[in-house]
C-alpha cells in the first residue's frame, strides 16, 4: 500500500520550472529535498495536466515532528507579537536539535529566512 504524505507547499514541497534549481532545502528542517526532474502533470489545482516541472520534497515530510515544526512556523508568521514569536522559535530550535542529525541542515536553518 502506498503511503500518503501531506506536503506543505512553500515549506517542504516545491514545483519550479525544469532545471530552475539544482537543489532545494526544506524551509521547515533544512534537509536537502528529494527531487523528481521533468515531472509531467498538474502543477496546481487549476493547472493543465500536461505541465512539465521539477518536484522537490522533503524526506522528513511524513514524520510528526516535521508537521509540528511547520505549524509553529505558520503561527510565527501569523502572530503580531515579537515576544511570542521568539518563544515559538525556541520551540522550533528544540524540535530540530532533537530530530535532525545533518549538521549542514542545522547550520542552514541558522542563517536561513525560514523564520
Protein backbone atom coordinates (compact mmCIF):
# COMPACT_ATOMS: atom_id res chain seq x y z
CA UNK A 1 0.00 0.00 0.00
CA UNK A 2 1.31 3.46 -0.90
CA UNK A 3 1.80 5.88 1.95
CA UNK A 4 0.00 9.21 1.61
CA UNK A 5 2.14 12.17 2.62
CA UNK A 6 0.65 15.59 3.32
CA UNK A 7 3.08 18.17 1.99
CA UNK A 8 3.03 21.88 2.77
CA UNK A 9 3.73 23.93 -0.36
CA UNK A 10 6.38 26.55 0.23
CA UNK A 11 7.78 24.72 3.25
CA UNK A 12 8.55 21.12 2.27
CA UNK A 13 7.20 20.88 -1.31
CA UNK A 14 8.22 22.97 -4.32
CA UNK A 15 7.44 22.79 -8.06
CA UNK A 16 9.83 25.05 -10.02
CA UNK A 17 10.29 25.01 -13.77
CA UNK A 18 12.59 22.23 -15.04
CA UNK A 19 16.22 22.92 -14.21
CA UNK A 20 15.45 26.18 -12.37
CA UNK A 21 17.05 24.86 -9.16
CA UNK A 22 19.97 22.48 -8.75
CA UNK A 23 18.80 21.60 -5.23
CA UNK A 24 16.44 22.93 -2.57
CA UNK A 25 16.43 22.76 1.21
CA UNK A 26 13.26 22.30 3.24
CA UNK A 27 12.18 25.52 4.95
CA UNK A 28 10.98 23.54 7.98
CA UNK A 29 14.02 21.42 8.79
CA UNK A 30 16.84 22.43 6.44
CA UNK A 31 17.27 18.98 4.92
CA UNK A 32 18.08 18.75 1.23
CA UNK A 33 14.91 17.85 -0.63
CA UNK A 34 14.48 14.79 -2.81
CA UNK A 35 14.00 15.76 -6.46
CA UNK A 36 11.97 14.35 -9.33
CA UNK A 37 13.03 16.02 -12.58
CA UNK A 38 10.81 16.81 -15.56
CA UNK A 39 7.57 15.65 -13.98
CA UNK A 40 4.60 15.84 -16.34
CA UNK A 41 1.26 16.56 -14.73
CA UNK A 42 -0.84 19.15 -13.00
CA UNK A 43 1.28 21.65 -11.05
CA UNK A 44 -1.66 23.38 -9.38
CA UNK A 45 -5.26 22.51 -8.73
CA UNK A 46 -6.31 24.69 -11.68
CA UNK A 47 -3.37 23.98 -13.99
CA UNK A 48 -3.30 21.89 -17.10
CA UNK A 49 -2.45 18.19 -16.91
CA UNK A 50 0.49 18.46 -19.31
CA UNK A 51 2.74 20.92 -17.43
CA UNK A 52 6.42 19.98 -17.09
CA UNK A 53 8.14 20.86 -13.82
CA UNK A 54 10.55 19.57 -11.19
CA UNK A 55 9.31 18.38 -7.81
CA UNK A 56 11.35 18.96 -4.66
CA UNK A 57 10.02 17.30 -1.50
CA UNK A 58 11.45 16.92 1.99
CA UNK A 59 12.38 13.40 3.10
CA UNK A 60 11.07 14.25 6.60
CA UNK A 61 7.61 15.39 5.47
CA UNK A 62 5.95 12.22 6.74
CA UNK A 63 7.04 12.44 10.39
CA UNK A 64 5.02 14.13 13.12
CA UNK A 65 7.74 16.44 14.49
CA UNK A 66 8.18 17.91 10.97
CA UNK A 67 4.48 18.74 10.72
CA UNK A 68 4.68 20.29 14.18
CA UNK A 69 7.59 22.50 13.07
CA UNK A 70 5.56 23.70 10.08
CA UNK A 71 2.55 24.50 12.28
CA UNK A 72 4.78 26.54 14.60
CA UNK A 73 6.41 28.33 11.66
CA UNK A 74 2.96 29.22 10.33
CA UNK A 75 1.96 30.51 13.77
CA UNK A 76 5.15 32.61 13.94
CA UNK A 77 4.24 34.14 10.60
CA UNK A 78 0.71 34.92 11.82
CA UNK A 79 1.49 36.37 15.25
CA UNK A 80 1.87 40.13 15.63
CA UNK A 81 3.89 39.66 18.83
CA UNK A 82 7.68 39.58 18.55
CA UNK A 83 7.96 38.13 22.07
CA UNK A 84 5.62 35.24 21.33
CA UNK A 85 7.39 34.64 18.01
CA UNK A 86 10.75 34.46 19.85
CA UNK A 87 9.38 31.84 22.24
CA UNK A 88 7.96 29.81 19.35
CA UNK A 89 11.32 30.00 17.53
CA UNK A 90 12.89 28.33 20.56
CA UNK A 91 10.34 25.51 20.25
CA UNK A 92 11.33 25.07 16.60
CA UNK A 93 15.01 25.04 17.54
CA UNK A 94 14.39 22.38 20.19
CA UNK A 95 12.48 20.15 17.76
CA UNK A 96 15.21 20.46 15.13
CA UNK A 97 18.02 19.74 17.57
CA UNK A 98 16.15 16.67 18.85
CA UNK A 99 15.44 15.26 15.38
CA UNK A 100 17.99 16.45 12.81
CA UNK A 101 21.40 14.79 12.67
CA UNK A 102 22.56 16.56 9.49
CA UNK A 103 24.92 19.32 10.66
CA UNK A 104 24.59 21.17 7.34
CA UNK A 105 20.80 21.28 7.71
CA UNK A 106 21.07 22.79 11.19
CA UNK A 107 23.64 25.34 10.01
CA UNK A 108 21.42 26.27 7.05
CA UNK A 109 18.44 26.83 9.36
CA UNK A 110 20.55 29.20 11.48
CA UNK A 111 21.21 31.50 8.51
CA UNK A 112 18.00 31.00 6.51
CA UNK A 113 14.96 33.24 6.46
CA UNK A 114 12.64 30.33 7.22
CA UNK A 115 11.54 32.06 10.45
